[in-house]
């Protein structure tokens, strides 16, 4: 059977079994609203099996009592240059092109109630001339572009972002974990370095993938040996206008992904990373942005939090 179906299809079949068990218990409780919701999820799971379309998260809720908060940024103090620096942007005033947009720190702002905002827009008078502009930022402690920068990285635990996603074609908002070991020439899977994409979105911004996010594991650098495993598409709650949380639990056995605290997927693809990973928040921009009707588009980040096991 494994030779006939992809891992995501098999996960959908497993999900059908899980939801059917929940459905039987819910019917016995006469909770008809919950019964209706579970029937919707069953239909979505059949769609995911046949067409790789999104599903509403249906797994178990994360047990946060197992964790303690060890690092966070709620952006009440703006851009903390002891914690964050540009990702592929080498200094506060630097500008670098990524895909079809230039990344520059001028695209970062903050709301009165302390939310980080990354704005994607077309600028006639941008620092690199007329072009699209966006930004990415990281906590990589192994590279320092600004004085006083320390960064942050961590091995194992639970990592979460609470944010609103930017709306429109061509945008790939992302929260991801990375290590410099991803660029190593020797390939040992993800053991000595991996890229864990906690969330990304489909850039064509079309049904049925609207309002959904996906998770991916990348290992073995970015050249010929590169391997990846995408975990599937999962609906969030009106993510372009409402805040949602997206997280990954990482331990010595597996990675477990969550949307709004509900498990969406788990995997040990590539071998579990054993070295610290740092954080990245970014909004990538590709050629689909030329058709966007929603610019300027903004990603609002309420907080980023890192937890360790107690």
C-alpha atoms as a PDB file:
ATOM      1  CA  UNK A   1       0.000   0.000   0.000  1.00  0.00           C
ATOM      2  CA  UNK A   2       2.866   2.404   0.775  1.00  0.00           C
ATOM      3  CA  UNK A   3       3.987   2.110  -2.825  1.00  0.00           C
ATOM      4  CA  UNK A   4       0.602   3.207  -4.141  1.00  0.00           C
ATOM      5  CA  UNK A   5      -0.129   6.203  -1.930  1.00  0.00           C
ATOM      6  CA  UNK A   6       1.840   9.177  -0.656  1.00  0.00           C
ATOM      7  CA  UNK A   7       2.465   9.718   3.034  1.00  0.00           C
ATOM      8  CA  UNK A   8      -0.034  12.580   3.058  1.00  0.00           C
ATOM      9  CA  UNK A   9      -2.710  10.315   1.517  1.00  0.00           C
ATOM     10  CA  UNK A  10      -2.044   7.657   4.124  1.00  0.00           C
ATOM     11  CA  UNK A  11      -2.247  10.285   6.853  1.00  0.00           C
ATOM     12  CA  UNK A  12      -5.666  11.283   5.472  1.00  0.00           C
ATOM     13  CA  UNK A  13      -6.817   7.647   5.663  1.00  0.00           C
ATOM     14  CA  UNK A  14      -5.587   7.447   9.253  1.00  0.00           C
ATOM     15  CA  UNK A  15      -7.421  10.688   9.949  1.00  0.00           C
ATOM     16  CA  UNK A  16     -10.676   9.255   8.634  1.00  0.00           C
ATOM     17  CA  UNK A  17     -10.401   6.454  11.180  1.00  0.00           C
ATOM     18  CA  UNK A  18      -9.646   8.898  13.995  1.00  0.00           C
ATOM     19  CA  UNK A  19     -12.563  11.170  13.125  1.00  0.00           C
ATOM     20  CA  UNK A  20     -14.989   8.239  12.777  1.00  0.00           C
ATOM     21  CA  UNK A  21     -14.137   7.194  16.343  1.00  0.00           C
ATOM     22  CA  UNK A  22     -14.688  10.764  17.558  1.00  0.00           C
ATOM     23  CA  UNK A  23     -17.939  10.918  15.594  1.00  0.00           C
ATOM     24  CA  UNK A  24     -19.321   7.796  17.270  1.00  0.00           C
ATOM     25  CA  UNK A  25     -18.529   9.162  20.747  1.00  0.00           C
ATOM     26  CA  UNK A  26     -20.015  12.559  19.851  1.00  0.00           C
ATOM     27  CA  UNK A  27     -23.250  11.028  18.555  1.00  0.00           C
ATOM     28  CA  UNK A  28     -23.646   9.219  21.891  1.00  0.00           C
ATOM     29  CA  UNK A  29     -23.327  12.570  23.663  1.00  0.00           C
ATOM     30  CA  UNK A  30     -25.990  14.094  21.364  1.00  0.00           C
ATOM     31  CA  UNK A  31     -23.700  17.054  20.621  1.00  0.00           C
ATOM     32  CA  UNK A  32     -25.180  17.800  17.209  1.00  0.00           C
ATOM     33  CA  UNK A  33     -23.052  20.869  16.471  1.00  0.00           C
ATOM     34  CA  UNK A  34     -19.928  18.794  17.032  1.00  0.00           C
ATOM     35  CA  UNK A  35     -21.379  15.962  14.944  1.00  0.00           C
ATOM     36  CA  UNK A  36     -21.915  18.364  12.039  1.00  0.00           C
ATOM     37  CA  UNK A  37     -18.366  19.693  12.349  1.00  0.00           C
ATOM     38  CA  UNK A  38     -16.941  16.166  12.307  1.00  0.00           C
ATOM     39  CA  UNK A  39     -18.933  15.280   9.177  1.00  0.00           C
ATOM     40  CA  UNK A  40     -17.399  18.359   7.504  1.00  0.00           C
ATOM     41  CA  UNK A  41     -13.922  17.189   8.491  1.00  0.00           C
ATOM     42  CA  UNK A  42     -14.652  13.709   7.107  1.00  0.00           C
ATOM     43  CA  UNK A  43     -15.525  15.260   3.756  1.00  0.00           C
ATOM     44  CA  UNK A  44     -12.333  17.312   3.873  1.00  0.00           C
ATOM     45  CA  UNK A  45     -10.263  14.210   4.629  1.00  0.00           C
ATOM     46  CA  UNK A  46     -11.698  12.401   1.593  1.00  0.00           C
ATOM     47  CA  UNK A  47     -10.771  15.490  -0.439  1.00  0.00           C
ATOM     48  CA  UNK A  48      -7.269  15.472   1.023  1.00  0.00           C
ATOM     49  CA  UNK A  49      -6.881  11.802   0.104  1.00  0.00           C
ATOM     50  CA  UNK A  50      -7.993  12.319  -3.497  1.00  0.00           C
ATOM     51  CA  UNK A  51      -6.855  15.870  -4.307  1.00  0.00           C
ATOM     52  CA  UNK A  52      -4.420  16.915  -1.542  1.00  0.00           C
ATOM     53  CA  UNK A  53      -6.763  19.706  -0.390  1.00  0.00           C
ATOM     54  CA  UNK A  54      -6.875  21.301   3.093  1.00  0.00           C
ATOM     55  CA  UNK A  55      -8.507  19.910   6.214  1.00  0.00           C
ATOM     56  CA  UNK A  56      -9.598  21.484   9.480  1.00  0.00           C
ATOM     57  CA  UNK A  57      -7.249  20.427  12.316  1.00  0.00           C
ATOM     58  CA  UNK A  58      -8.794  17.474  14.123  1.00  0.00           C
ATOM     59  CA  UNK A  59      -6.008  16.056  16.326  1.00  0.00           C
ATOM     60  CA  UNK A  60      -5.496  16.305  20.061  1.00  0.00           C
ATOM     61  CA  UNK A  61      -4.960  19.633  21.833  1.00  0.00           C
ATOM     62  CA  UNK A  62      -1.417  20.329  22.993  1.00  0.00           C
ATOM     63  CA  UNK A  63      -0.772  19.876  26.717  1.00  0.00           C
ATOM     64  CA  UNK A  64       1.068  23.071  27.647  1.00  0.00           C
ATOM     65  CA  UNK A  65       1.503  21.919  31.261  1.00  0.00           C
ATOM     66  CA  UNK A  66       4.514  19.934  30.022  1.00  0.00           C
ATOM     67  CA  UNK A  67       6.388  23.107  29.081  1.00  0.00           C
ATOM     68  CA  UNK A  68       7.871  26.239  30.633  1.00  0.00           C
ATOM     69  CA  UNK A  69       8.365  29.519  28.777  1.00  0.00           C
ATOM     70  CA  UNK A  70      12.081  30.287  28.308  1.00  0.00           C
ATOM     71  CA  UNK A  71      12.155  33.011  25.628  1.00  0.00           C
ATOM     72  CA  UNK A  72       9.597  35.335  24.064  1.00  0.00           C
ATOM     73  CA  UNK A  73       9.208  38.582  22.188  1.00  0.00           C
ATOM     74  CA  UNK A  74       5.861  40.373  22.272  1.00  0.00           C
ATOM     75  CA  UNK A  75       7.333  43.356  20.385  1.00  0.00           C
ATOM     76  CA  UNK A  76       6.237  45.880  23.014  1.00  0.00           C
ATOM     77  CA  UNK A  77       9.681  47.489  22.658  1.00  0.00           C
ATOM     78  CA  UNK A  78       9.810  47.554  18.867  1.00  0.00           C
ATOM     79  CA  UNK A  79      12.645  45.952  16.924  1.00  0.00           C
ATOM     80  CA  UNK A  80      14.969  44.554  19.595  1.00  0.00           C
ATOM     81  CA  UNK A  81      18.376  44.557  17.886  1.00  0.00           C
ATOM     82  CA  UNK A  82      19.848  42.386  20.650  1.00  0.00           C
ATOM     83  CA  UNK A  83      17.472  39.607  19.531  1.00  0.00           C
ATOM     84  CA  UNK A  84      16.702  40.136  15.842  1.00  0.00           C
ATOM     85  CA  UNK A  85      18.604  41.019  12.703  1.00  0.00           C
ATOM     86  CA  UNK A  86      17.888  40.795   9.003  1.00  0.00           C
ATOM     87  CA  UNK A  87      17.667  37.384   7.349  1.00  0.00           C
ATOM     88  CA  UNK A  88      19.757  37.635   4.175  1.00  0.00           C
ATOM     89  CA  UNK A  89      19.889  41.361   4.965  1.00  0.00           C
ATOM     90  CA  UNK A  90      23.268  42.347   6.363  1.00  0.00           C
ATOM     91  CA  UNK A  91      22.717  45.308   8.670  1.00  0.00           C
ATOM     92  CA  UNK A  92      19.980  47.747   9.588  1.00  0.00           C
ATOM     93  CA  UNK A  93      20.337  49.801   6.398  1.00  0.00           C
ATOM     94  CA  UNK A  94      21.082  46.974   3.967  1.00  0.00           C
ATOM     95  CA  UNK A  95      18.822  46.012   1.050  1.00  0.00           C
ATOM     96  CA  UNK A  96      18.931  42.611  -0.630  1.00  0.00           C
ATOM     97  CA  UNK A  97      16.808  41.071  -3.375  1.00  0.00           C
ATOM     98  CA  UNK A  98      14.945  37.843  -2.558  1.00  0.00           C
ATOM     99  CA  UNK A  99      12.966  36.364  -5.465  1.00  0.00           C
ATOM    100  CA  UNK A 100      11.066  39.334  -6.957  1.00  0.00           C
ATOM    101  CA  UNK A 101      11.161  41.665  -3.938  1.00  0.00           C
ATOM    102  CA  UNK A 102      13.843  43.595  -2.088  1.00  0.00           C
ATOM    103  CA  UNK A 103      14.122  43.084   1.661  1.00  0.00           C
ATOM    104  CA  UNK A 104      14.743  46.181   3.752  1.00  0.00           C
ATOM    105  CA  UNK A 105      14.082  46.988   7.428  1.00  0.00           C
ATOM    106  CA  UNK A 106      11.976  49.997   6.457  1.00  0.00           C
ATOM    107  CA  UNK A 107       9.227  47.429   5.795  1.00  0.00           C
ATOM    108  CA  UNK A 108       9.016  46.734   9.538  1.00  0.00           C
ATOM    109  CA  UNK A 109       6.775  48.829  11.772  1.00  0.00           C
ATOM    110  CA  UNK A 110       4.841  48.416  15.026  1.00  0.00           C
ATOM    111  CA  UNK A 111       1.274  49.049  16.133  1.00  0.00           C
ATOM    112  CA  UNK A 112       0.362  51.048  19.227  1.00  0.00           C
ATOM    113  CA  UNK A 113      -0.497  47.848  21.089  1.00  0.00           C
ATOM    114  CA  UNK A 114       2.865  46.281  20.296  1.00  0.00           C
ATOM    115  CA  UNK A 115       2.445  44.148  17.196  1.00  0.00           C
ATOM    116  CA  UNK A 116       5.240  43.673  14.711  1.00  0.00           C
ATOM    117  CA  UNK A 117       4.138  44.530  11.167  1.00  0.00           C
ATOM    118  CA  UNK A 118       5.933  43.445   7.974  1.00  0.00           C
ATOM    119  CA  UNK A 119       4.509  45.298   4.969  1.00  0.00           C
ATOM    120  CA  UNK A 120       4.763  44.101   1.380  1.00  0.00           C
ATOM    121  CA  UNK A 121       4.259  46.883  -1.153  1.00  0.00           C
ATOM    122  CA  UNK A 122       5.412  48.375  -4.433  1.00  0.00           C
ATOM    123  CA  UNK A 123       7.532  51.507  -3.935  1.00  0.00           C
ATOM    124  CA  UNK A 124       8.496  53.945  -6.633  1.00  0.00           C
ATOM    125  CA  UNK A 125      11.082  55.542  -4.337  1.00  0.00           C
ATOM    126  CA  UNK A 126      12.410  52.448  -2.533  1.00  0.00           C
ATOM    127  CA  UNK A 127      16.091  52.153  -1.534  1.00  0.00           C
ATOM    128  CA  UNK A 128      16.784  49.989  -4.601  1.00  0.00           C
ATOM    129  CA  UNK A 129      14.514  52.030  -6.876  1.00  0.00           C
ATOM    130  CA  UNK A 130      11.014  51.144  -8.147  1.00  0.00           C
ATOM    131  CA  UNK A 131      10.294  47.598  -6.934  1.00  0.00           C
ATOM    132  CA  UNK A 132       8.379  45.378  -4.531  1.00  0.00           C
ATOM    133  CA  UNK A 133       9.655  45.432  -0.944  1.00  0.00           C
ATOM    134  CA  UNK A 134       9.343  43.048   2.004  1.00  0.00           C
ATOM    135  CA  UNK A 135      11.487  41.754   4.883  1.00  0.00           C
ATOM    136  CA  UNK A 136      12.759  38.724   6.762  1.00  0.00           C
ATOM    137  CA  UNK A 137      14.305  38.644  10.239  1.00  0.00           C
ATOM    138  CA  UNK A 138      16.168  36.044  12.271  1.00  0.00           C
ATOM    139  CA  UNK A 139      17.698  35.260  15.673  1.00  0.00           C
ATOM    140  CA  UNK A 140      20.790  33.440  14.326  1.00  0.00           C
ATOM    141  CA  UNK A 141      23.396  33.913  17.106  1.00  0.00           C
ATOM    142  CA  UNK A 142      26.262  32.760  14.893  1.00  0.00           C
ATOM    143  CA  UNK A 143      26.261  35.864  12.680  1.00  0.00           C
ATOM    144  CA  UNK A 144      26.270  39.457  13.862  1.00  0.00           C
ATOM    145  CA  UNK A 145      25.469  42.379  11.584  1.00  0.00           C
ATOM    146  CA  UNK A 146      24.539  44.967  14.238  1.00  0.00           C
ATOM    147  CA  UNK A 147      26.422  45.959  17.386  1.00  0.00           C
ATOM    148  CA  UNK A 148      25.044  44.452  20.587  1.00  0.00           C
ATOM    149  CA  UNK A 149      23.222  41.644  18.802  1.00  0.00           C
ATOM    150  CA  UNK A 150      23.042  38.303  20.653  1.00  0.00           C
ATOM    151  CA  UNK A 151      20.280  36.334  18.908  1.00  0.00           C
ATOM    152  CA  UNK A 152      18.728  33.129  20.189  1.00  0.00           C
ATOM    153  CA  UNK A 153      18.674  29.424  19.397  1.00  0.00           C
ATOM    154  CA  UNK A 154      17.313  26.361  21.186  1.00  0.00           C
ATOM    155  CA  UNK A 155      17.335  22.568  21.009  1.00  0.00           C
ATOM    156  CA  UNK A 156      13.966  20.809  21.487  1.00  0.00           C
ATOM    157  CA  UNK A 157      10.807  22.257  22.989  1.00  0.00           C
ATOM    158  CA  UNK A 158       7.743  24.011  21.620  1.00  0.00           C
ATOM    159  CA  UNK A 159       7.919  27.066  19.340  1.00  0.00           C
ATOM    160  CA  UNK A 160       4.878  29.229  18.574  1.00  0.00           C
ATOM    161  CA  UNK A 161       3.883  32.382  16.724  1.00  0.00           C
ATOM    162  CA  UNK A 162       0.596  34.300  17.014  1.00  0.00           C
ATOM    163  CA  UNK A 163      -0.086  36.350  13.911  1.00  0.00           C
ATOM    164  CA  UNK A 164      -2.378  37.561  11.148  1.00  0.00           C
ATOM    165  CA  UNK A 165      -1.235  36.621   7.658  1.00  0.00           C
ATOM    166  CA  UNK A 166      -0.915  39.033   4.725  1.00  0.00           C
ATOM    167  CA  UNK A 167      -3.620  38.714   2.087  1.00  0.00           C
ATOM    168  CA  UNK A 168      -3.144  38.332  -1.651  1.00  0.00           C
ATOM    169  CA  UNK A 169      -1.335  36.553  -4.451  1.00  0.00           C
ATOM    170  CA  UNK A 170       2.408  36.064  -4.506  1.00  0.00           C
ATOM    171  CA  UNK A 171       2.963  36.204  -0.747  1.00  0.00           C
ATOM    172  CA  UNK A 172       4.557  33.504   1.377  1.00  0.00           C
ATOM    173  CA  UNK A 173       4.453  34.513   5.051  1.00  0.00           C
ATOM    174  CA  UNK A 174       6.534  32.097   7.078  1.00  0.00           C
ATOM    175  CA  UNK A 175       7.640  31.224  10.580  1.00  0.00           C
ATOM    176  CA  UNK A 176      10.519  28.785  10.451  1.00  0.00           C
ATOM    177  CA  UNK A 177      13.435  27.290  12.360  1.00  0.00           C
ATOM    178  CA  UNK A 178      16.880  26.845  10.831  1.00  0.00           C
ATOM    179  CA  UNK A 179      20.481  25.983  11.636  1.00  0.00           C
ATOM    180  CA  UNK A 180      23.671  26.793   9.786  1.00  0.00           C
ATOM    181  CA  UNK A 181      24.197  23.029   9.533  1.00  0.00           C
ATOM    182  CA  UNK A 182      21.674  22.999   6.676  1.00  0.00           C
ATOM    183  CA  UNK A 183      24.483  24.233   4.427  1.00  0.00           C
ATOM    184  CA  UNK A 184      26.882  21.378   5.297  1.00  0.00           C
ATOM    185  CA  UNK A 185      28.261  19.389   2.357  1.00  0.00           C
ATOM    186  CA  UNK A 186      27.931  16.011   4.060  1.00  0.00           C
ATOM    187  CA  UNK A 187      24.417  14.635   4.253  1.00  0.00           C
ATOM    188  CA  UNK A 188      23.119  12.981   7.409  1.00  0.00           C
ATOM    189  CA  UNK A 189      19.483  13.912   7.014  1.00  0.00           C
ATOM    190  CA  UNK A 190      18.453  16.585   9.468  1.00  0.00           C
ATOM    191  CA  UNK A 191      20.565  15.361  12.395  1.00  0.00           C
ATOM    192  CA  UNK A 192      23.231  18.066  12.148  1.00  0.00           C
ATOM    193  CA  UNK A 193      20.933  20.754  10.762  1.00  0.00           C
ATOM    194  CA  UNK A 194      17.457  21.147   9.334  1.00  0.00           C
ATOM    195  CA  UNK A 195      14.875  23.659   8.181  1.00  0.00           C
ATOM    196  CA  UNK A 196      11.506  23.342   9.889  1.00  0.00           C
ATOM    197  CA  UNK A 197       8.804  25.449   8.259  1.00  0.00           C
ATOM    198  CA  UNK A 198       6.162  25.860  10.946  1.00  0.00           C
ATOM    199  CA  UNK A 199       3.899  27.740   8.527  1.00  0.00           C
ATOM    200  CA  UNK A 200       3.852  28.838   4.933  1.00  0.00           C
ATOM    201  CA  UNK A 201       0.986  29.565   2.536  1.00  0.00           C
ATOM    202  CA  UNK A 202       0.206  28.794  -1.099  1.00  0.00           C
ATOM    203  CA  UNK A 203       1.087  31.838  -3.186  1.00  0.00           C
ATOM    204  CA  UNK A 204      -1.590  31.576  -5.889  1.00  0.00           C
ATOM    205  CA  UNK A 205      -4.220  32.593  -3.285  1.00  0.00           C
ATOM    206  CA  UNK A 206      -7.003  30.540  -4.836  1.00  0.00           C
ATOM    207  CA  UNK A 207      -9.651  28.118  -3.588  1.00  0.00           C
ATOM    208  CA  UNK A 208      -9.566  25.613  -2.045  1.00  0.00           C
ATOM    209  CA  UNK A 209      -6.269  26.653  -0.452  1.00  0.00           C
ATOM    210  CA  UNK A 210      -7.452  30.030   0.842  1.00  0.00           C
ATOM    211  CA  UNK A 211      -7.353  30.245   4.648  1.00  0.00           C
ATOM    212  CA  UNK A 212      -4.924  27.335   4.871  1.00  0.00           C
ATOM    213  CA  UNK A 213      -1.282  26.873   5.844  1.00  0.00           C
ATOM    214  CA  UNK A 214       1.211  24.061   5.431  1.00  0.00           C
ATOM    215  CA  UNK A 215       4.269  22.669   7.239  1.00  0.00           C
ATOM    216  CA  UNK A 216       7.484  21.310   5.684  1.00  0.00           C
ATOM    217  CA  UNK A 217      10.739  19.666   6.801  1.00  0.00           C
ATOM    218  CA  UNK A 218      13.893  20.279   4.701  1.00  0.00           C
ATOM    219  CA  UNK A 219      17.178  18.384   5.152  1.00  0.00           C
ATOM    220  CA  UNK A 220      20.539  17.820   3.414  1.00  0.00           C
ATOM    221  CA  UNK A 221      21.344  21.353   2.294  1.00  0.00           C
ATOM    222  CA  UNK A 222      19.820  23.020  -0.758  1.00  0.00           C
ATOM    223  CA  UNK A 223      21.652  21.416  -3.668  1.00  0.00           C
ATOM    224  CA  UNK A 224      21.329  17.994  -5.313  1.00  0.00           C
ATOM    225  CA  UNK A 225      21.099  16.073  -2.022  1.00  0.00           C
ATOM    226  CA  UNK A 226      18.238  18.208  -0.748  1.00  0.00           C
ATOM    227  CA  UNK A 227      15.142  16.378   0.513  1.00  0.00           C
ATOM    228  CA  UNK A 228      11.855  17.675   1.842  1.00  0.00           C
ATOM    229  CA  UNK A 229       8.571  16.413   3.215  1.00  0.00           C
ATOM    230  CA  UNK A 230       5.449  18.582   3.176  1.00  0.00           C
ATOM    231  CA  UNK A 231       2.926  17.637   5.858  1.00  0.00           C
ATOM    232  CA  UNK A 232      -0.327  18.735   4.193  1.00  0.00           C
ATOM    233  CA  UNK A 233      -2.692  21.711   4.124  1.00  0.00           C
ATOM    234  CA  UNK A 234      -4.620  22.828   7.213  1.00  0.00           C
ATOM    235  CA  UNK A 235      -7.293  25.465   7.673  1.00  0.00           C
ATOM    236  CA  UNK A 236      -6.847  28.286  10.160  1.00  0.00           C
ATOM    237  CA  UNK A 237      -9.597  30.599  11.430  1.00  0.00           C
ATOM    238  CA  UNK A 238      -9.911  33.474   8.918  1.00  0.00           C
ATOM    239  CA  UNK A 239      -6.101  33.903   9.083  1.00  0.00           C
ATOM    240  CA  UNK A 240      -5.927  37.133   7.048  1.00  0.00           C
ATOM    241  CA  UNK A 241      -8.195  39.015   9.468  1.00  0.00           C
ATOM    242  CA  UNK A 242      -7.933  37.070  12.739  1.00  0.00           C
ATOM    243  CA  UNK A 243      -4.989  36.097  14.901  1.00  0.00           C
ATOM    244  CA  UNK A 244      -4.120  32.399  14.897  1.00  0.00           C
ATOM    245  CA  UNK A 245      -1.335  30.471  16.590  1.00  0.00           C
ATOM    246  CA  UNK A 246       1.010  28.130  14.716  1.00  0.00           C
ATOM    247  CA  UNK A 247       3.505  25.928  16.507  1.00  0.00           C
ATOM    248  CA  UNK A 248       5.839  22.964  16.371  1.00  0.00           C
ATOM    249  CA  UNK A 249       6.851  20.629  19.151  1.00  0.00           C
ATOM    250  CA  UNK A 250      10.333  19.191  18.618  1.00  0.00           C
ATOM    251  CA  UNK A 251      11.752  16.383  20.686  1.00  0.00           C
ATOM    252  CA  UNK A 252      14.266  13.570  20.217  1.00  0.00           C
ATOM    253  CA  UNK A 253      11.674  11.344  18.519  1.00  0.00           C
ATOM    254  CA  UNK A 254       9.617  13.576  16.212  1.00  0.00           C
ATOM    255  CA  UNK A 255       8.220  16.933  15.132  1.00  0.00           C
ATOM    256  CA  UNK A 256       4.557  17.636  15.944  1.00  0.00           C
ATOM    257  CA  UNK A 257       2.777  20.566  14.276  1.00  0.00           C
ATOM    258  CA  UNK A 258      -0.179  22.544  15.623  1.00  0.00           C
ATOM    259  CA  UNK A 259      -2.670  25.151  14.427  1.00  0.00           C
ATOM    260  CA  UNK A 260      -4.402  26.973  17.280  1.00  0.00           C
ATOM    261  CA  UNK A 261      -3.114  24.344  19.680  1.00  0.00           C
ATOM    262  CA  UNK A 262      -4.651  21.413  17.752  1.00  0.00           C
ATOM    263  CA  UNK A 263      -2.330  18.799  16.303  1.00  0.00           C
ATOM    264  CA  UNK A 264      -2.172  18.755  12.507  1.00  0.00           C
ATOM    265  CA  UNK A 265       0.758  16.454  11.664  1.00  0.00           C
ATOM    266  CA  UNK A 266       3.744  14.628  13.078  1.00  0.00           C
ATOM    267  CA  UNK A 267       6.874  13.255  11.439  1.00  0.00           C
ATOM    268  CA  UNK A 268      10.451  12.106  12.009  1.00  0.00           C
ATOM    269  CA  UNK A 269      11.424  12.752   8.402  1.00  0.00           C
ATOM    270  CA  UNK A 270      15.161  13.020   7.745  1.00  0.00           C
ATOM    271  CA  UNK A 271      16.166  12.023  11.242  1.00  0.00           C
ATOM    272  CA  UNK A 272      15.493  14.400  14.104  1.00  0.00           C
ATOM    273  CA  UNK A 273      17.704  17.464  14.337  1.00  0.00           C
ATOM    274  CA  UNK A 274      20.060  17.315  17.335  1.00  0.00           C
ATOM    275  CA  UNK A 275      21.531  20.822  17.161  1.00  0.00           C
ATOM    276  CA  UNK A 276      20.035  24.200  18.138  1.00  0.00           C
ATOM    277  CA  UNK A 277      17.754  26.009  15.690  1.00  0.00           C
ATOM    278  CA  UNK A 278      17.151  29.740  15.457  1.00  0.00           C
ATOM    279  CA  UNK A 279      13.939  31.567  14.521  1.00  0.00           C
ATOM    280  CA  UNK A 280      12.961  33.331  11.301  1.00  0.00           C
ATOM    281  CA  UNK A 281       9.927  35.460  10.455  1.00  0.00           C
ATOM    282  CA  UNK A 282       9.635  36.459   6.806  1.00  0.00           C
ATOM    283  CA  UNK A 283       7.273  37.305   3.973  1.00  0.00           C
ATOM    284  CA  UNK A 284       8.563  35.934   0.695  1.00  0.00           C
ATOM    285  CA  UNK A 285       7.305  37.389  -2.582  1.00  0.00           C
ATOM    286  CA  UNK A 286       7.148  35.631  -5.957  1.00  0.00           C
ATOM    287  CA  UNK A 287       5.911  36.548  -9.435  1.00  0.00           C
ATOM    288  CA  UNK A 288       2.261  35.884  -8.530  1.00  0.00           C
ATOM    289  CA  UNK A 289       2.366  39.249  -6.741  1.00  0.00           C
ATOM    290  CA  UNK A 290       2.037  40.948 -10.136  1.00  0.00           C
ATOM    291  CA  UNK A 291      -1.628  39.844 -10.096  1.00  0.00           C
ATOM    292  CA  UNK A 292      -2.308  40.846  -6.494  1.00  0.00           C
ATOM    293  CA  UNK A 293      -5.255  43.108  -5.713  1.00  0.00           C
ATOM    294  CA  UNK A 294      -4.412  43.400  -2.014  1.00  0.00           C
ATOM    295  CA  UNK A 295      -1.273  45.545  -1.831  1.00  0.00           C
ATOM    296  CA  UNK A 296       0.030  46.856   0.417  1.00  0.00           C
ATOM    297  CA  UNK A 297      -0.296  43.641   2.424  1.00  0.00           C
ATOM    298  CA  UNK A 298       0.670  43.297   6.068  1.00  0.00           C
ATOM    299  CA  UNK A 299       1.709  40.458   8.359  1.00  0.00           C
ATOM    300  CA  UNK A 300       0.893  41.262  12.003  1.00  0.00           C
ATOM    301  CA  UNK A 301       2.824  39.344  14.668  1.00  0.00           C
ATOM    302  CA  UNK A 302       1.554  39.484  18.246  1.00  0.00           C
ATOM    303  CA  UNK A 303       4.299  37.331  19.747  1.00  0.00           C
ATOM    304  CA  UNK A 304       6.862  34.595  19.269  1.00  0.00           C
ATOM    305  CA  UNK A 305       7.425  32.178  22.159  1.00  0.00           C
ATOM    306  CA  UNK A 306       9.841  29.340  22.871  1.00  0.00           C
ATOM    307  CA  UNK A 307       9.158  26.726  25.534  1.00  0.00           C
ATOM    308  CA  UNK A 308      11.314  23.973  26.986  1.00  0.00           C
ATOM    309  CA  UNK A 309      10.157  20.685  28.473  1.00  0.00           C
ATOM    310  CA  UNK A 310       9.865  20.819  32.263  1.00  0.00           C
END
